[in-house]
């Protein structure tokens, strides 16, 4: 996993993990690792969305 993926990269990686789990295309041994990766990716996405929301709100406030 890339250290600082973009939102799109993180989201795509999450989608791949979910697809593997839905298709049962993952071993039990890899499941725990993928859960850890997914947790990190979710945090990255959440942080990027929060930061973007704050920037948008700041810009809107400056325009008012």
Protein backbone atom coordinates (compact mmCIF):
# COMPACT_ATOMS: atom_id res chain seq x y z
CA UNK A 1 0.00 0.00 0.00
CA UNK A 2 1.28 3.42 -0.96
CA UNK A 3 2.16 5.57 2.08
CA UNK A 4 0.02 8.58 1.11
CA UNK A 5 -2.49 7.45 -1.49
CA UNK A 6 -4.93 9.87 -3.03
CA UNK A 7 -8.59 9.53 -2.08
CA UNK A 8 -9.27 7.80 -5.39
CA UNK A 9 -6.40 5.33 -4.92
CA UNK A 10 -7.48 4.51 -1.37
CA UNK A 11 -11.11 4.08 -2.43
CA UNK A 12 -10.13 1.78 -5.31
CA UNK A 13 -8.03 -0.35 -2.97
CA UNK A 14 -10.99 -0.59 -0.59
CA UNK A 15 -13.23 -1.69 -3.44
CA UNK A 16 -10.74 -4.44 -4.35
CA UNK A 17 -10.65 -5.71 -0.78
CA UNK A 18 -14.45 -5.72 -0.55
CA UNK A 19 -14.74 -7.55 -3.88
CA UNK A 20 -12.29 -10.23 -2.73
CA UNK A 21 -14.32 -10.70 0.43
CA UNK A 22 -17.64 -10.81 -1.42
CA UNK A 23 -16.29 -13.34 -3.93
CA UNK A 24 -14.75 -15.38 -1.10
CA UNK A 25 -11.55 -14.97 -3.11
CA UNK A 26 -9.41 -14.57 -0.01
CA UNK A 27 -7.79 -17.00 2.36
CA UNK A 28 -8.43 -16.87 6.07
CA UNK A 29 -4.74 -16.08 6.51
CA UNK A 30 -5.03 -12.97 4.36
CA UNK A 31 -8.35 -11.84 5.82
CA UNK A 32 -6.85 -10.25 8.96
CA UNK A 33 -4.26 -8.37 6.89
CA UNK A 34 -6.94 -7.09 4.53
CA UNK A 35 -9.10 -5.96 7.44
CA UNK A 36 -6.13 -3.96 8.78
CA UNK A 37 -5.48 -2.45 5.34
CA UNK A 38 -9.17 -1.62 4.93
CA UNK A 39 -9.24 0.11 8.32
CA UNK A 40 -6.26 2.29 7.34
CA UNK A 41 -7.79 3.05 3.94
CA UNK A 42 -11.12 4.05 5.50
CA UNK A 43 -9.29 6.42 7.85
CA UNK A 44 -7.39 7.95 4.92
CA UNK A 45 -10.62 8.49 2.97
CA UNK A 46 -12.43 9.92 6.00
CA UNK A 47 -9.55 12.30 6.78
CA UNK A 48 -9.37 13.51 3.18
CA UNK A 49 -13.13 14.09 3.03
CA UNK A 50 -13.07 15.99 6.34
CA UNK A 51 -10.16 18.16 5.18
CA UNK A 52 -11.88 18.90 1.88
CA UNK A 53 -15.12 19.81 3.66
CA UNK A 54 -13.23 22.19 5.96
CA UNK A 55 -11.49 23.84 2.99
CA UNK A 56 -14.79 24.26 1.13
CA UNK A 57 -16.48 25.74 4.21
CA UNK A 58 -13.55 28.12 4.73
CA UNK A 59 -13.71 29.26 1.10
CA UNK A 60 -17.47 29.79 1.30
CA UNK A 61 -17.05 31.77 4.53
CA UNK A 62 -14.44 33.98 2.88
CA UNK A 63 -16.80 34.71 0.00
CA UNK A 64 -19.62 35.76 2.33
